[in-house]
Amino acid sequence: MALGALIIKARLGLTDEELVEQIKENPYLQFFIGLEAFQYSAPFDPSMMVYFRKRLPEAVVNDCNERIVRHGMKVIRSSDSHDPGNDSGSGGDGSASTGEQPMPSAHRQPNQGSLLIDATCTPVDIRHPTDLSLFNEAREVTEILIDVMYPQIRENFGHKPRTHRRKARQQFLAVAKKKKPRINKIRKAIKQQLGHLKRNLANIDSLIACGGRLLAAGRHIYQKLLVVSELVRQQTILYHTDSRSIPDRIVSLFQSHIRPIVRGKARCNVEFGAKISISVTGEGFTFLDRLSYDPYNEGEDLRAQAIAYRRRYGHYPEVICADQIYRTRSNRAFCQRHGIRLSGPALGRPKSNPELVAAEKQQFIDDQRQRNAVEGKIGQGKRRYGLGLICEKLAVTQGSTIAINVLVMNLQKLLELLFVRFSHWLQLLLSNEQGERPRFAILIPLITPA
């Protein structure tokens, strides 16, 4: 039920509340999630979707993805052997390494197929962070905690600590409401908010010394207080060093695991979310190879992605199509050692033979055209599915949502292959009656995996 509900949510693009209402009204959706009979009541509460995502983390969903793709291709290849129009009794080129579980063998299998790799960022649903807005949110958190902790120790502590919240709010709005504030005005406001925050944190330490409880305002406020302490440390270093970057920079108090990912795109230079590395096989199936909230160099993933391809199919790919960041010397040496052709121009001086130069140039153009498929998969995931904006709040639920969307993309691909196969069978039956060539016969070699 959990996996079925997550698949429906990702496929239809629904919220948790809308998903429950759709399942209540649709008997097909109830059958899909495993209910034995139609019922008018909700099978679960919308809040259970959070527990479903926690129960199915990224690693579990990725394993399900590989199993589903393997079983789906096995079904399609087994249908090829029973194809009434196939006299040889085998589908495609006879290779079973794509549809079945690869079996270990003593001899090494030749490289087959192609692997398209790339990385992207899946932005999360947070407000664009600024240092001043983070200071304002952090100051409000400390003020809430002081208001809750003081009544417990009123008799022992004396007068309530002063927070100057009205003055701090006015100082924040004086700069935040301006369309284009100057740099010196922003630095002055940051210094003021930093002073208010440090005073509030010192007052909280005094309240704790007199017996105040940090958990009086709730566990969520206590967790935010830990983030506020780290935020003050980072912003103090940035202010005094006049720097603009620091490791593990906090950009959200509510989602402290989010880090800025510098992508250098024309639309937005910096994105906030998880950075993922995906690989697309020649058959059009997508796999999530790496997910990290910290920025990293995706060129380091080529070796792991090639090894994962060998684990799934029993052999290395014949060609890896990637952009320039993957064409490092270590990756070139790895590909050369395993007989893999890496797309892109070769190192060294250009050849003097014009025919070889023209052939290499044409090969590079063909590889770039083939690599466009991975860009299309990324666009499909962001526009058609939920990779364009991740609305979950926790790190584990965000990873589960990203992996589920990749799984749904592969399910859609399997449905397309099965539909074309069914159309081929239907055309064969009609052509056998009329003695004509089937209309879809030319499409079958194109969709049959190599």
Protein backbone atom coordinates (compact mmCIF):
# COMPACT_ATOMS: atom_id res chain seq x y z
CA MET A 1 0.00 0.00 0.00
CA ALA A 2 2.79 2.43 0.87
CA LEU A 3 4.66 2.02 -2.43
CA GLY A 4 1.44 2.12 -4.46
CA ALA A 5 0.30 5.34 -2.77
CA LEU A 6 3.66 7.01 -3.40
CA ILE A 7 3.62 5.95 -7.07
CA ILE A 8 0.11 7.36 -7.56
CA LYS A 9 1.10 10.63 -5.89
CA ALA A 10 4.17 11.06 -8.10
CA ARG A 11 2.37 10.01 -11.29
CA LEU A 12 -0.65 12.29 -10.87
CA GLY A 13 1.19 15.16 -9.16
CA LEU A 14 -1.14 15.31 -6.15
CA THR A 15 -0.74 16.52 -2.61
CA ASP A 16 -1.20 14.11 0.29
CA GLU A 17 -4.76 15.33 0.94
CA GLU A 18 -5.71 15.19 -2.74
CA LEU A 19 -4.28 11.68 -3.01
CA VAL A 20 -6.53 10.35 -0.23
CA GLU A 21 -9.60 11.95 -1.83
CA GLN A 22 -8.75 10.45 -5.22
CA ILE A 23 -8.29 6.98 -3.73
CA LYS A 24 -11.68 7.26 -1.97
CA GLU A 25 -13.42 7.94 -5.29
CA ASN A 26 -11.50 5.70 -7.71
CA PRO A 27 -11.85 1.89 -7.52
CA TYR A 28 -8.87 1.40 -9.85
CA LEU A 29 -6.58 3.27 -7.49
CA GLN A 30 -7.88 1.21 -4.57
CA PHE A 31 -7.10 -1.97 -6.49
CA PHE A 32 -3.63 -0.62 -7.31
CA ILE A 33 -2.73 -0.07 -3.64
CA GLY A 34 -3.91 -3.59 -2.74
CA LEU A 35 -7.45 -3.23 -1.39
CA GLU A 36 -9.57 -6.35 -1.95
CA ALA A 37 -12.91 -4.52 -2.32
CA PHE A 38 -14.13 -1.01 -2.98
CA GLN A 39 -14.72 1.15 0.10
CA TYR A 40 -16.05 4.64 0.55
CA SER A 41 -13.89 5.48 3.54
CA ALA A 42 -10.29 6.66 3.32
CA PRO A 43 -7.80 3.76 3.57
CA PHE A 44 -5.39 5.95 5.56
CA ASP A 45 -4.96 9.48 6.85
CA PRO A 46 -2.99 11.99 4.72
CA SER A 47 -0.43 12.31 7.50
CA MET A 48 0.48 8.63 6.97
CA MET A 49 2.22 9.61 3.74
CA VAL A 50 5.07 11.00 5.82
CA TYR A 51 5.55 7.60 7.47
CA PHE A 52 5.31 5.90 4.07
CA ARG A 53 8.19 8.04 2.79
CA LYS A 54 10.21 7.29 5.93
CA ARG A 55 9.61 3.55 5.54
CA LEU A 56 10.77 3.65 1.92
CA PRO A 57 14.00 5.65 1.89
CA GLU A 58 16.11 6.34 -1.16
CA ALA A 59 18.12 3.07 -1.03
CA VAL A 60 14.99 0.89 -0.81
CA VAL A 61 13.25 2.70 -3.69
CA ASN A 62 16.39 2.45 -5.86
CA ASP A 63 16.49 -1.30 -5.27
CA CYS A 64 12.80 -1.55 -6.22
CA ASN A 65 13.54 0.49 -9.34
CA GLU A 66 16.22 -1.92 -10.52
CA ARG A 67 14.06 -4.96 -9.77
CA ILE A 68 11.06 -3.54 -11.62
CA VAL A 69 13.11 -2.61 -14.69
CA ARG A 70 14.78 -6.03 -14.72
CA HIS A 71 11.48 -7.88 -14.43
CA GLY A 72 9.76 -5.64 -17.00
CA MET A 73 12.46 -6.21 -19.60
CA LYS A 74 12.36 -9.92 -18.86
CA VAL A 75 8.62 -9.97 -19.58
CA ILE A 76 9.10 -8.05 -22.82
CA ARG A 77 11.89 -10.35 -23.97
CA SER A 78 9.91 -13.46 -23.09
CA SER A 79 7.06 -12.11 -25.21
CA ASP A 80 9.49 -11.82 -28.13
CA SER A 81 10.09 -15.58 -28.03
CA HIS A 82 6.33 -16.17 -28.44
CA ASP A 83 5.97 -13.51 -31.15
CA PRO A 84 3.86 -15.02 -33.98
CA GLY A 85 5.83 -13.02 -36.52
CA ASN A 86 9.26 -14.02 -35.21
CA ASP A 87 10.45 -17.21 -36.90
CA SER A 88 13.74 -17.39 -35.04
CA GLY A 89 12.01 -17.63 -31.64
CA SER A 90 14.19 -14.99 -29.99
CA GLY A 91 13.73 -11.26 -29.60
CA GLY A 92 16.13 -8.55 -30.63
CA ASP A 93 19.68 -9.67 -31.06
CA GLY A 94 19.35 -12.57 -28.62
CA SER A 95 21.12 -10.84 -25.73
CA ALA A 96 19.44 -11.67 -22.41
CA SER A 97 21.70 -9.59 -20.22
CA THR A 98 19.29 -6.65 -20.23
CA GLY A 99 16.16 -8.43 -19.09
CA GLU A 100 17.52 -11.09 -16.74
CA GLN A 101 19.66 -11.00 -13.65
CA PRO A 102 23.30 -11.14 -14.82
CA MET A 103 24.96 -14.37 -13.80
CA PRO A 104 28.63 -14.47 -12.82
CA SER A 105 30.79 -16.15 -15.42
CA ALA A 106 34.43 -17.07 -15.69
CA HIS A 107 35.00 -15.18 -18.94
CA ARG A 108 34.41 -11.48 -19.34
CA GLN A 109 31.47 -10.45 -21.48
CA PRO A 110 32.07 -7.94 -24.27
CA ASN A 111 30.98 -4.36 -23.70
CA GLN A 112 27.50 -3.59 -24.97
CA GLY A 113 25.08 -0.69 -24.94
CA SER A 114 25.51 2.97 -24.09
CA LEU A 115 25.42 4.91 -20.83
CA LEU A 116 24.39 8.57 -20.62
CA ILE A 117 25.30 10.37 -17.40
CA ASP A 118 24.70 13.83 -16.02
CA ALA A 119 23.99 15.68 -12.77
CA THR A 120 21.35 18.19 -11.78
CA CYS A 121 19.87 19.91 -8.75
CA THR A 122 16.36 19.29 -7.45
CA PRO A 123 15.31 22.57 -5.79
CA VAL A 124 13.31 22.49 -2.59
CA ASP A 125 10.39 24.69 -1.63
CA ILE A 126 12.09 27.35 0.50
CA ARG A 127 12.23 31.11 0.35
CA HIS A 128 15.29 32.58 -1.31
CA PRO A 129 17.62 33.07 1.67
CA THR A 130 19.32 36.30 2.64
CA ASP A 131 21.51 36.90 5.67
CA LEU A 132 19.17 39.55 7.02
CA SER A 133 16.03 37.40 6.71
CA LEU A 134 17.78 34.48 8.44
CA PHE A 135 18.77 36.78 11.30
CA ASN A 136 15.18 37.97 11.67
CA GLU A 137 13.84 34.40 11.84
CA ALA A 138 16.55 33.38 14.31
CA ARG A 139 15.83 36.38 16.53
CA GLU A 140 12.13 35.52 16.63
CA VAL A 141 12.97 31.95 17.67
CA THR A 142 15.09 33.16 20.58
CA GLU A 143 12.36 35.58 21.66
CA ILE A 144 9.79 32.77 21.73
CA LEU A 145 12.10 30.64 23.84
CA ILE A 146 12.74 33.47 26.32
CA ASP A 147 9.00 34.12 26.65
CA VAL A 148 8.34 30.46 27.47
CA MET A 149 11.32 29.85 29.77
CA TYR A 150 10.97 32.96 31.96
CA PRO A 151 7.63 32.13 33.72
CA GLN A 152 9.14 28.90 35.08
CA ILE A 153 11.86 30.72 37.05
CA ARG A 154 10.21 34.11 37.59
CA GLU A 155 10.84 34.08 41.35
CA ASN A 156 14.51 33.05 41.17
CA PHE A 157 15.54 35.10 38.15
CA GLY A 158 14.01 38.51 38.84
CA HIS A 159 13.10 40.86 36.02
CA LYS A 160 12.47 39.44 32.58
CA PRO A 161 15.43 39.82 30.18
CA ARG A 162 14.98 42.63 27.69
CA THR A 163 14.92 41.62 24.04
CA HIS A 164 14.28 44.99 22.31
CA ARG A 165 12.14 43.10 19.80
CA ARG A 166 10.28 46.17 18.56
CA LYS A 167 13.49 48.07 17.90
CA ALA A 168 15.09 45.04 16.21
CA ARG A 169 12.01 44.58 14.01
CA GLN A 170 12.09 48.21 12.92
CA GLN A 171 15.79 47.97 12.08
CA PHE A 172 15.13 44.88 9.98
CA LEU A 173 12.20 46.40 8.08
CA ALA A 174 14.11 49.61 7.40
CA VAL A 175 16.42 47.65 5.10
CA ALA A 176 14.17 44.75 4.01
CA LYS A 177 11.53 47.06 2.53
CA LYS A 178 14.01 48.85 0.30
CA LYS A 179 14.14 47.68 -3.31
CA LYS A 180 17.92 48.00 -3.71
CA PRO A 181 19.60 48.72 -0.38
CA ARG A 182 23.24 49.68 -0.38
CA ILE A 183 25.95 47.34 0.82
CA ASN A 184 26.87 49.52 3.80
CA LYS A 185 23.21 49.64 4.90
CA ILE A 186 22.98 45.83 4.70
CA ARG A 187 26.19 45.38 6.72
CA LYS A 188 24.95 47.81 9.35
CA ALA A 189 21.64 45.95 9.65
CA ILE A 190 23.46 42.62 9.88
CA LYS A 191 25.64 43.97 12.68
CA GLN A 192 22.56 45.17 14.55
CA GLN A 193 20.70 41.86 14.19
CA LEU A 194 23.84 39.95 15.17
CA GLY A 195 24.04 42.00 18.36
CA HIS A 196 20.40 41.30 19.21
CA LEU A 197 20.90 37.59 18.62
CA LYS A 198 24.01 37.34 20.77
CA ARG A 199 22.25 39.16 23.61
CA ASN A 200 19.25 36.83 23.41
CA LEU A 201 21.49 33.76 23.42
CA ALA A 202 23.31 35.09 26.48
CA ASN A 203 19.93 35.61 28.21
CA ILE A 204 18.93 32.05 27.36
CA ASP A 205 22.14 30.78 28.95
CA SER A 206 21.30 32.79 32.08
CA LEU A 207 17.80 31.31 32.20
CA ILE A 208 19.24 27.80 31.87
CA ALA A 209 21.65 28.50 34.73
CA CYS A 210 18.69 29.39 36.96
CA GLY A 211 16.81 26.19 36.14
CA GLY A 212 14.98 27.00 32.91
CA ARG A 213 14.06 24.15 30.56
CA LEU A 214 14.96 24.33 26.89
CA LEU A 215 12.20 21.91 25.95
CA ALA A 216 9.51 24.13 27.44
CA ALA A 217 8.65 25.56 24.01
CA GLY A 218 8.70 22.18 22.29
CA ARG A 219 11.28 20.00 20.63
CA HIS A 220 11.04 21.86 17.31
CA ILE A 221 12.05 25.16 18.98
CA TYR A 222 14.98 23.43 20.66
CA GLN A 223 16.16 22.01 17.34
CA LYS A 224 15.92 25.46 15.78
CA LEU A 225 17.96 26.88 18.67
CA LEU A 226 20.81 24.54 17.77
CA VAL A 227 20.64 25.78 14.19
CA VAL A 228 20.57 29.40 15.41
CA SER A 229 23.76 28.87 17.41
CA GLU A 230 25.54 27.56 14.30
CA LEU A 231 24.08 30.40 12.22
CA VAL A 232 25.51 33.00 14.62
CA ARG A 233 28.93 31.35 14.47
CA GLN A 234 28.95 31.30 10.67
CA GLN A 235 27.65 34.83 10.23
CA THR A 236 30.13 36.21 12.76
CA ILE A 237 33.00 34.75 10.74
CA LEU A 238 31.54 36.05 7.47
CA TYR A 239 31.02 39.54 8.88
CA HIS A 240 34.47 39.99 10.39
CA THR A 241 36.34 38.40 7.46
CA ASP A 242 34.18 40.21 4.87
CA SER A 243 33.72 36.92 3.05
CA ARG A 244 30.75 35.51 1.15
CA SER A 245 31.28 31.76 1.47
CA ILE A 246 31.76 29.30 4.31
CA PRO A 247 31.58 25.49 4.47
CA ASP A 248 28.18 23.98 5.32
CA ARG A 249 26.45 27.32 5.10
CA ILE A 250 22.95 27.37 6.59
CA VAL A 251 20.27 28.77 4.29
CA SER A 252 17.12 27.70 6.16
CA LEU A 253 16.29 27.31 9.83
CA PHE A 254 13.49 24.85 9.10
CA GLN A 255 15.56 22.68 6.73
CA SER A 256 19.09 22.96 8.07
CA HIS A 257 20.37 20.16 5.81
CA ILE A 258 19.90 22.26 2.66
CA ARG A 259 23.07 23.76 1.17
CA PRO A 260 23.58 26.18 -1.72
CA ILE A 261 24.49 24.40 -4.96
CA VAL A 262 26.36 26.60 -7.43
CA ARG A 263 25.36 25.46 -10.91
CA GLY A 264 26.34 28.44 -13.06
CA LYS A 265 23.16 28.32 -15.11
CA ALA A 266 21.86 31.34 -16.97
CA ARG A 267 18.49 31.22 -15.23
CA CYS A 268 19.81 30.94 -11.67
CA ASN A 269 23.42 30.75 -10.64
CA VAL A 270 22.73 29.12 -7.26
CA GLU A 271 20.07 26.52 -6.46
CA PHE A 272 19.00 25.19 -3.08
CA GLY A 273 18.29 21.49 -2.85
CA ALA A 274 19.74 18.04 -3.36
CA LYS A 275 22.28 17.43 -6.09
CA ILE A 276 21.72 14.13 -7.89
CA SER A 277 23.70 12.11 -10.42
CA ILE A 278 21.59 10.07 -12.83
CA SER A 279 22.40 7.61 -15.58
CA VAL A 280 20.23 6.74 -18.58
CA THR A 281 20.73 3.50 -20.47
CA GLY A 282 20.35 3.04 -24.20
CA GLU A 283 16.85 1.61 -23.67
CA GLY A 284 15.75 4.86 -21.98
CA PHE A 285 15.66 3.73 -18.34
CA THR A 286 16.85 6.12 -15.64
CA PHE A 287 18.73 5.25 -12.45
CA LEU A 288 19.55 7.44 -9.47
CA ASP A 289 23.23 6.83 -8.68
CA ARG A 290 23.98 9.51 -6.09
CA LEU A 291 22.09 12.02 -3.96
CA SER A 292 23.82 14.58 -1.76
CA TYR A 293 22.87 17.86 -0.16
CA ASP A 294 26.48 18.99 -0.17
CA PRO A 295 28.03 20.23 -3.42
CA TYR A 296 30.38 17.80 -5.13
CA ASN A 297 32.15 17.30 -8.43
CA GLU A 298 30.00 15.00 -10.56
CA GLY A 299 33.08 13.96 -12.55
CA GLU A 300 34.00 11.67 -9.65
CA ASP A 301 30.87 9.55 -10.22
CA LEU A 302 31.77 8.14 -13.65
CA ARG A 303 33.64 5.15 -12.28
CA ALA A 304 30.88 4.26 -9.81
CA GLN A 305 28.20 4.64 -12.49
CA ALA A 306 30.08 2.37 -14.90
CA ILE A 307 30.50 -0.25 -12.17
CA ALA A 308 26.78 0.01 -11.34
CA TYR A 309 25.99 -0.55 -15.03
CA ARG A 310 28.13 -3.70 -14.98
CA ARG A 311 26.35 -4.89 -11.82
CA ARG A 312 22.94 -4.43 -13.46
CA TYR A 313 23.70 -5.89 -16.89
CA GLY A 314 26.74 -8.11 -16.40
CA HIS A 315 29.07 -6.07 -18.65
CA TYR A 316 30.42 -2.57 -19.09
CA PRO A 317 28.86 -0.17 -21.60
CA GLU A 318 30.43 0.18 -24.99
CA VAL A 319 30.30 3.98 -24.87
CA ILE A 320 29.74 6.56 -22.13
CA CYS A 321 28.30 9.88 -23.30
CA ALA A 322 29.06 12.68 -20.87
CA ASP A 323 29.89 16.36 -20.89
CA GLN A 324 33.30 17.95 -20.43
CA ILE A 325 33.46 17.79 -16.62
CA TYR A 326 33.62 13.97 -16.77
CA ARG A 327 36.56 13.87 -19.19
CA THR A 328 39.32 13.89 -16.59
CA ARG A 329 42.56 11.96 -16.98
CA SER A 330 41.58 9.45 -14.31
CA ASN A 331 38.22 8.79 -16.00
CA ARG A 332 39.90 8.45 -19.39
CA ALA A 333 42.36 5.94 -17.93
CA PHE A 334 39.51 3.96 -16.34
CA CYS A 335 37.58 3.82 -19.61
CA GLN A 336 40.67 2.84 -21.58
CA ARG A 337 41.49 0.08 -19.09
CA HIS A 338 38.02 -1.48 -19.46
CA GLY A 339 37.60 -0.92 -23.18
CA ILE A 340 34.97 1.83 -22.87
CA ARG A 341 34.83 4.67 -25.34
CA LEU A 342 34.33 8.02 -23.61
CA SER A 343 32.67 10.69 -25.71
CA GLY A 344 34.58 13.84 -26.54
CA PRO A 345 37.75 14.79 -28.37
CA ALA A 346 40.94 12.90 -27.57
CA LEU A 347 43.84 14.49 -25.73
CA GLY A 348 46.96 15.68 -27.53
CA ARG A 349 47.56 17.39 -30.80
CA PRO A 350 44.98 17.10 -33.57
CA LYS A 351 45.71 14.52 -36.24
CA SER A 352 47.21 15.63 -39.54
CA ASN A 353 44.98 13.34 -41.60
CA PRO A 354 41.89 15.38 -42.56
CA GLU A 355 39.77 12.25 -42.98
CA LEU A 356 40.47 11.12 -39.41
CA VAL A 357 39.77 14.62 -38.12
CA ALA A 358 36.44 14.71 -39.95
CA ALA A 359 35.55 11.23 -38.66
CA GLU A 360 36.34 12.19 -35.05
CA LYS A 361 34.35 15.39 -35.40
CA GLN A 362 31.36 13.50 -36.75
CA GLN A 363 31.68 10.94 -33.95
CA PHE A 364 31.71 13.73 -31.38
CA ILE A 365 28.58 15.27 -32.92
CA ASP A 366 26.80 11.91 -32.87
CA ASP A 367 27.73 11.39 -29.22
CA GLN A 368 26.43 14.82 -28.30
CA ARG A 369 23.15 14.08 -30.04
CA GLN A 370 22.89 10.81 -28.18
CA ARG A 371 23.70 12.51 -24.88
CA ASN A 372 20.74 14.86 -25.34
CA ALA A 373 18.53 12.01 -24.12
CA VAL A 374 19.74 12.46 -20.54
CA GLU A 375 18.96 16.18 -20.73
CA GLY A 376 15.48 15.26 -21.93
CA LYS A 377 15.04 12.86 -18.99
CA ILE A 378 16.01 15.61 -16.56
CA GLY A 379 13.55 17.98 -18.21
CA GLN A 380 10.84 15.33 -18.11
CA GLY A 381 11.42 14.73 -14.42
CA LYS A 382 11.28 18.43 -13.59
CA ARG A 383 8.37 19.45 -15.84
CA ARG A 384 6.14 16.38 -15.92
CA TYR A 385 6.96 14.89 -12.53
CA GLY A 386 7.92 16.36 -9.15
CA LEU A 387 11.66 16.90 -9.52
CA GLY A 388 11.18 20.57 -10.37
CA LEU A 389 10.14 21.47 -6.81
CA ILE A 390 10.48 19.17 -3.80
CA CYS A 391 7.86 20.14 -1.22
CA GLU A 392 8.83 17.66 1.52
CA LYS A 393 10.66 19.01 4.57
CA LEU A 394 12.83 16.20 5.93
CA ALA A 395 16.00 14.93 4.32
CA VAL A 396 14.84 11.29 4.31
CA THR A 397 11.43 12.15 2.82
CA GLN A 398 12.99 14.35 0.17
CA GLY A 399 15.32 11.54 -0.89
CA SER A 400 12.39 9.13 -1.03
CA THR A 401 10.37 11.52 -3.20
CA ILE A 402 13.23 11.99 -5.66
CA ALA A 403 13.78 8.23 -5.97
CA ILE A 404 10.02 7.61 -6.39
CA ASN A 405 9.86 10.09 -9.26
CA VAL A 406 12.72 8.27 -11.02
CA LEU A 407 10.87 4.98 -10.47
CA VAL A 408 7.67 6.40 -11.99
CA MET A 409 9.60 7.58 -15.05
CA ASN A 410 10.80 4.02 -15.62
CA LEU A 411 7.30 2.64 -15.13
CA GLN A 412 6.06 5.03 -17.79
CA LYS A 413 8.81 3.83 -20.12
CA LEU A 414 7.83 0.20 -19.58
CA LEU A 415 4.21 1.05 -20.35
CA GLU A 416 5.28 2.67 -23.62
CA LEU A 417 7.27 -0.41 -24.63
CA LEU A 418 4.37 -2.71 -23.77
CA PHE A 419 1.94 -0.52 -25.72
CA VAL A 420 4.10 -0.62 -28.85
CA ARG A 421 4.51 -4.38 -28.44
CA PHE A 422 0.75 -4.82 -28.15
CA SER A 423 0.24 -2.66 -31.24
CA HIS A 424 2.74 -4.84 -33.10
CA TRP A 425 0.85 -7.99 -32.16
CA LEU A 426 -2.43 -6.46 -33.26
CA GLN A 427 -0.95 -5.45 -36.62
CA LEU A 428 0.47 -8.95 -37.07
CA LEU A 429 -2.94 -10.51 -36.54
CA LEU A 430 -4.57 -8.13 -39.00
CA SER A 431 -1.79 -8.55 -41.58
CA ASN A 432 -1.97 -12.35 -41.39
CA GLU A 433 -5.64 -12.16 -42.27
CA GLN A 434 -5.11 -9.69 -45.13
CA GLY A 435 -1.71 -10.91 -46.29
CA GLU A 436 -0.02 -7.51 -45.81
CA ARG A 437 3.10 -6.38 -44.01
CA PRO A 438 2.39 -5.02 -40.49
CA ARG A 439 2.48 -1.25 -40.24
CA PHE A 440 4.54 -1.23 -37.03
CA ALA A 441 7.10 -3.79 -38.17
CA ILE A 442 9.72 -1.11 -38.77
CA LEU A 443 9.37 0.18 -35.19
CA ILE A 444 10.13 -3.07 -33.43
CA PRO A 445 13.93 -3.07 -34.01
CA LEU A 446 14.00 0.49 -32.66
CA ILE A 447 12.31 -0.32 -29.34
CA THR A 448 13.80 -3.77 -28.80
CA PRO A 449 16.69 -3.38 -26.31
CA ALA A 450 20.10 -4.33 -27.59
